[in-house]
N, C-alpha and C. Protein backbone atom coordinates (compact mmCIF):
# COMPACT_ATOMS: atom_id res chain seq x y z
N MET A 1 4.79 5.81 16.04
CA MET A 1 4.19 4.72 15.28
C MET A 1 4.59 3.40 15.94
N GLY A 2 3.62 2.55 16.15
CA GLY A 2 3.86 1.27 16.80
C GLY A 2 4.54 0.27 15.88
N ALA A 3 4.98 -0.81 16.47
CA ALA A 3 5.68 -1.84 15.72
C ALA A 3 4.76 -2.49 14.69
N LEU A 4 3.51 -2.73 15.08
CA LEU A 4 2.57 -3.35 14.15
C LEU A 4 2.25 -2.41 12.99
N ASP A 5 2.10 -1.12 13.29
CA ASP A 5 1.86 -0.14 12.22
C ASP A 5 3.02 -0.12 11.24
N SER A 6 4.22 -0.21 11.77
CA SER A 6 5.41 -0.20 10.93
C SER A 6 5.44 -1.43 10.01
N ILE A 7 5.09 -2.58 10.56
CA ILE A 7 5.09 -3.81 9.77
C ILE A 7 4.02 -3.75 8.68
N VAL A 8 2.84 -3.25 9.03
CA VAL A 8 1.76 -3.16 8.04
C VAL A 8 2.14 -2.19 6.93
N ARG A 9 2.73 -1.06 7.30
CA ARG A 9 3.15 -0.07 6.30
C ARG A 9 4.21 -0.67 5.37
N GLU A 10 5.19 -1.35 5.96
CA GLU A 10 6.24 -1.96 5.16
C GLU A 10 5.68 -3.07 4.26
N ALA A 11 4.70 -3.81 4.75
CA ALA A 11 4.08 -4.87 3.95
C ALA A 11 3.36 -4.28 2.73
N LEU A 12 2.68 -3.16 2.92
CA LEU A 12 2.01 -2.51 1.79
C LEU A 12 3.01 -2.00 0.76
N ILE A 13 4.12 -1.46 1.23
CA ILE A 13 5.15 -0.97 0.31
C ILE A 13 5.78 -2.13 -0.45
N VAL A 14 6.08 -3.22 0.24
CA VAL A 14 6.67 -4.39 -0.42
C VAL A 14 5.69 -4.97 -1.44
N THR A 15 4.41 -5.02 -1.08
CA THR A 15 3.40 -5.52 -2.01
C THR A 15 3.37 -4.69 -3.28
N ALA A 16 3.41 -3.37 -3.12
CA ALA A 16 3.41 -2.48 -4.28
C ALA A 16 4.67 -2.67 -5.12
N LEU A 17 5.82 -2.77 -4.47
CA LEU A 17 7.07 -2.93 -5.22
C LEU A 17 7.15 -4.27 -5.95
N VAL A 18 6.52 -5.28 -5.40
CA VAL A 18 6.56 -6.61 -6.03
C VAL A 18 5.55 -6.70 -7.17
N THR A 19 4.36 -6.14 -6.99
CA THR A 19 3.29 -6.36 -7.97
C THR A 19 3.26 -5.35 -9.10
N PHE A 20 3.62 -4.09 -8.85
CA PHE A 20 3.47 -3.08 -9.89
C PHE A 20 4.31 -3.33 -11.14
N PRO A 21 5.56 -3.77 -11.04
CA PRO A 21 6.28 -4.06 -12.29
C PRO A 21 5.64 -5.18 -13.11
N ILE A 22 5.18 -6.22 -12.43
CA ILE A 22 4.54 -7.34 -13.13
C ILE A 22 3.23 -6.89 -13.77
N LEU A 23 2.42 -6.15 -13.02
CA LEU A 23 1.15 -5.66 -13.56
C LEU A 23 1.38 -4.68 -14.70
N GLY A 24 2.40 -3.85 -14.59
CA GLY A 24 2.72 -2.91 -15.67
C GLY A 24 3.11 -3.62 -16.95
N ILE A 25 3.92 -4.65 -16.83
CA ILE A 25 4.33 -5.42 -18.00
C ILE A 25 3.13 -6.13 -18.62
N ALA A 26 2.30 -6.74 -17.78
CA ALA A 26 1.11 -7.43 -18.29
C ALA A 26 0.17 -6.45 -18.98
N THR A 27 0.03 -5.26 -18.43
CA THR A 27 -0.83 -4.25 -19.05
C THR A 27 -0.27 -3.79 -20.38
N ALA A 28 1.02 -3.54 -20.44
CA ALA A 28 1.64 -3.08 -21.69
C ALA A 28 1.52 -4.14 -22.78
N VAL A 29 1.75 -5.39 -22.43
CA VAL A 29 1.62 -6.46 -23.42
C VAL A 29 0.17 -6.62 -23.85
N GLY A 30 -0.76 -6.51 -22.90
CA GLY A 30 -2.18 -6.60 -23.24
C GLY A 30 -2.62 -5.50 -24.19
N VAL A 31 -2.13 -4.28 -23.96
CA VAL A 31 -2.48 -3.17 -24.85
C VAL A 31 -1.86 -3.39 -26.23
N ALA A 32 -0.63 -3.85 -26.28
CA ALA A 32 0.02 -4.10 -27.57
C ALA A 32 -0.72 -5.18 -28.36
N VAL A 33 -1.14 -6.23 -27.68
CA VAL A 33 -1.88 -7.30 -28.36
C VAL A 33 -3.24 -6.80 -28.82
N ALA A 34 -3.90 -5.97 -28.01
CA ALA A 34 -5.20 -5.43 -28.39
C ALA A 34 -5.08 -4.53 -29.61
N VAL A 35 -4.05 -3.72 -29.67
CA VAL A 35 -3.84 -2.86 -30.83
C VAL A 35 -3.55 -3.72 -32.07
N LEU A 36 -2.75 -4.75 -31.89
CA LEU A 36 -2.46 -5.66 -33.01
C LEU A 36 -3.72 -6.36 -33.48
N GLN A 37 -4.55 -6.81 -32.56
CA GLN A 37 -5.79 -7.47 -32.94
C GLN A 37 -6.75 -6.51 -33.62
N ALA A 38 -6.80 -5.28 -33.15
CA ALA A 38 -7.68 -4.29 -33.78
C ALA A 38 -7.20 -3.95 -35.18
N ALA A 39 -5.89 -3.91 -35.37
CA ALA A 39 -5.34 -3.56 -36.68
C ALA A 39 -5.54 -4.70 -37.68
N THR A 40 -5.41 -5.93 -37.21
CA THR A 40 -5.49 -7.07 -38.14
C THR A 40 -6.86 -7.73 -38.13
N GLN A 41 -7.70 -7.38 -37.17
CA GLN A 41 -9.03 -7.96 -37.00
C GLN A 41 -8.98 -9.48 -36.80
N VAL A 42 -7.92 -9.93 -36.16
CA VAL A 42 -7.80 -11.34 -35.77
C VAL A 42 -8.24 -11.43 -34.31
N GLN A 43 -9.31 -12.14 -34.03
CA GLN A 43 -9.86 -12.22 -32.68
C GLN A 43 -9.66 -13.60 -32.08
N GLU A 44 -8.46 -14.07 -32.09
CA GLU A 44 -8.13 -15.38 -31.52
C GLU A 44 -7.86 -15.23 -30.03
N GLN A 45 -8.54 -16.02 -29.19
CA GLN A 45 -8.42 -15.90 -27.74
C GLN A 45 -7.04 -16.30 -27.23
N THR A 46 -6.42 -17.29 -27.84
CA THR A 46 -5.10 -17.69 -27.38
C THR A 46 -4.07 -16.62 -27.68
N LEU A 47 -4.33 -15.79 -28.66
CA LEU A 47 -3.40 -14.72 -28.99
C LEU A 47 -3.35 -13.68 -27.88
N THR A 48 -4.42 -13.53 -27.13
CA THR A 48 -4.41 -12.55 -26.04
C THR A 48 -3.75 -13.11 -24.79
N LEU A 49 -3.90 -14.38 -24.53
CA LEU A 49 -3.41 -14.95 -23.28
C LEU A 49 -1.93 -15.33 -23.35
N LEU A 50 -1.50 -15.93 -24.41
CA LEU A 50 -0.15 -16.47 -24.49
C LEU A 50 0.94 -15.39 -24.36
N PRO A 51 0.87 -14.27 -25.07
CA PRO A 51 1.93 -13.27 -24.90
C PRO A 51 1.98 -12.70 -23.48
N LYS A 52 0.83 -12.50 -22.85
CA LYS A 52 0.83 -12.00 -21.48
C LYS A 52 1.43 -13.04 -20.54
N LEU A 53 1.10 -14.29 -20.76
CA LEU A 53 1.63 -15.35 -19.92
C LEU A 53 3.15 -15.43 -20.04
N LEU A 54 3.66 -15.35 -21.27
CA LEU A 54 5.10 -15.39 -21.48
C LEU A 54 5.80 -14.16 -20.90
N ALA A 55 5.19 -12.98 -21.06
CA ALA A 55 5.79 -11.75 -20.55
C ALA A 55 5.82 -11.75 -19.03
N VAL A 56 4.74 -12.20 -18.40
CA VAL A 56 4.71 -12.25 -16.94
C VAL A 56 5.70 -13.29 -16.42
N GLY A 57 5.80 -14.42 -17.10
CA GLY A 57 6.79 -15.43 -16.70
C GLY A 57 8.21 -14.92 -16.81
N ALA A 58 8.51 -14.19 -17.90
CA ALA A 58 9.85 -13.62 -18.06
C ALA A 58 10.11 -12.54 -17.01
N ALA A 59 9.10 -11.73 -16.71
CA ALA A 59 9.26 -10.69 -15.69
C ALA A 59 9.48 -11.31 -14.32
N LEU A 60 8.78 -12.39 -14.03
CA LEU A 60 9.00 -13.08 -12.76
C LEU A 60 10.40 -13.67 -12.68
N ALA A 61 10.90 -14.16 -13.81
CA ALA A 61 12.26 -14.70 -13.82
C ALA A 61 13.28 -13.59 -13.58
N VAL A 62 13.01 -12.41 -14.12
CA VAL A 62 13.95 -11.30 -13.96
C VAL A 62 13.82 -10.66 -12.57
N PHE A 63 12.58 -10.36 -12.14
CA PHE A 63 12.36 -9.65 -10.89
C PHE A 63 12.12 -10.58 -9.71
N GLY A 64 12.13 -11.88 -9.92
CA GLY A 64 11.81 -12.82 -8.85
C GLY A 64 12.76 -12.78 -7.68
N SER A 65 14.05 -12.69 -7.95
CA SER A 65 15.01 -12.67 -6.85
C SER A 65 14.89 -11.38 -6.04
N LEU A 66 14.61 -10.26 -6.72
CA LEU A 66 14.40 -9.01 -6.01
C LEU A 66 13.15 -9.10 -5.13
N ALA A 67 12.08 -9.65 -5.68
CA ALA A 67 10.83 -9.78 -4.92
C ALA A 67 11.02 -10.71 -3.73
N LEU A 68 11.73 -11.80 -3.93
CA LEU A 68 11.97 -12.74 -2.84
C LEU A 68 12.83 -12.11 -1.76
N GLY A 69 13.80 -11.30 -2.16
CA GLY A 69 14.62 -10.59 -1.19
C GLY A 69 13.82 -9.59 -0.37
N LEU A 70 12.92 -8.86 -1.04
CA LEU A 70 12.06 -7.91 -0.32
C LEU A 70 11.14 -8.63 0.66
N CYS A 71 10.56 -9.74 0.23
CA CYS A 71 9.68 -10.51 1.11
C CYS A 71 10.45 -11.11 2.27
N GLY A 72 11.67 -11.58 2.01
CA GLY A 72 12.51 -12.12 3.09
C GLY A 72 12.89 -11.06 4.10
N GLY A 73 13.20 -9.85 3.61
CA GLY A 73 13.51 -8.75 4.53
C GLY A 73 12.31 -8.37 5.38
N LEU A 74 11.14 -8.35 4.77
CA LEU A 74 9.91 -8.07 5.52
C LEU A 74 9.67 -9.14 6.58
N PHE A 75 9.89 -10.39 6.24
CA PHE A 75 9.70 -11.48 7.20
C PHE A 75 10.67 -11.34 8.37
N GLU A 76 11.94 -11.04 8.07
CA GLU A 76 12.92 -10.87 9.14
C GLU A 76 12.55 -9.69 10.04
N HIS A 77 12.09 -8.61 9.43
CA HIS A 77 11.67 -7.44 10.21
C HIS A 77 10.47 -7.78 11.10
N ALA A 78 9.53 -8.54 10.56
CA ALA A 78 8.34 -8.92 11.33
C ALA A 78 8.72 -9.84 12.50
N ILE A 79 9.62 -10.76 12.27
CA ILE A 79 10.04 -11.66 13.35
C ILE A 79 10.81 -10.89 14.42
N ALA A 80 11.64 -9.93 14.00
CA ALA A 80 12.39 -9.13 14.97
C ALA A 80 11.46 -8.24 15.80
N ALA A 81 10.37 -7.79 15.21
CA ALA A 81 9.43 -6.90 15.91
C ALA A 81 8.38 -7.66 16.70
N LEU A 82 8.37 -8.97 16.61
CA LEU A 82 7.34 -9.77 17.28
C LEU A 82 7.28 -9.54 18.79
N PRO A 83 8.39 -9.48 19.51
CA PRO A 83 8.28 -9.22 20.96
C PRO A 83 7.63 -7.87 21.26
N GLN A 84 7.92 -6.85 20.48
CA GLN A 84 7.30 -5.53 20.69
C GLN A 84 5.81 -5.58 20.40
N ILE A 85 5.43 -6.34 19.38
CA ILE A 85 4.01 -6.44 19.03
C ILE A 85 3.26 -7.18 20.13
N VAL A 86 3.84 -8.25 20.66
CA VAL A 86 3.17 -9.04 21.70
C VAL A 86 3.05 -8.24 22.99
N ARG A 87 4.13 -7.52 23.36
CA ARG A 87 4.11 -6.70 24.56
C ARG A 87 3.18 -5.50 24.41
N GLY A 88 2.98 -5.07 23.19
CA GLY A 88 2.15 -3.90 22.95
C GLY A 88 2.90 -2.61 23.17
N ALA A 89 4.23 -2.69 23.14
CA ALA A 89 5.05 -1.49 23.33
C ALA A 89 5.00 -0.62 22.09
N PRO A 90 4.95 0.70 22.28
CA PRO A 90 4.91 1.59 21.12
C PRO A 90 6.21 1.68 20.39
């Protein structure tokens, strides 16, 4: 596997690790709000957006340092592999 293939593969893994927890939390909160709205028949639009916004903000505060560390590691790996990518060495 070439250096560029390795970087692309690692970038996809980092993207998944960074986004899936946030998307999972947003989905869970969205489902909970939808069930609450269906049970109470309150169809207020701000009720759907605000809890998701707060949950995603809290998740970013909790997982943000981990995500930034993963992205920083990917950047360092990409910079270290740059000579191999430019040379085209496998």
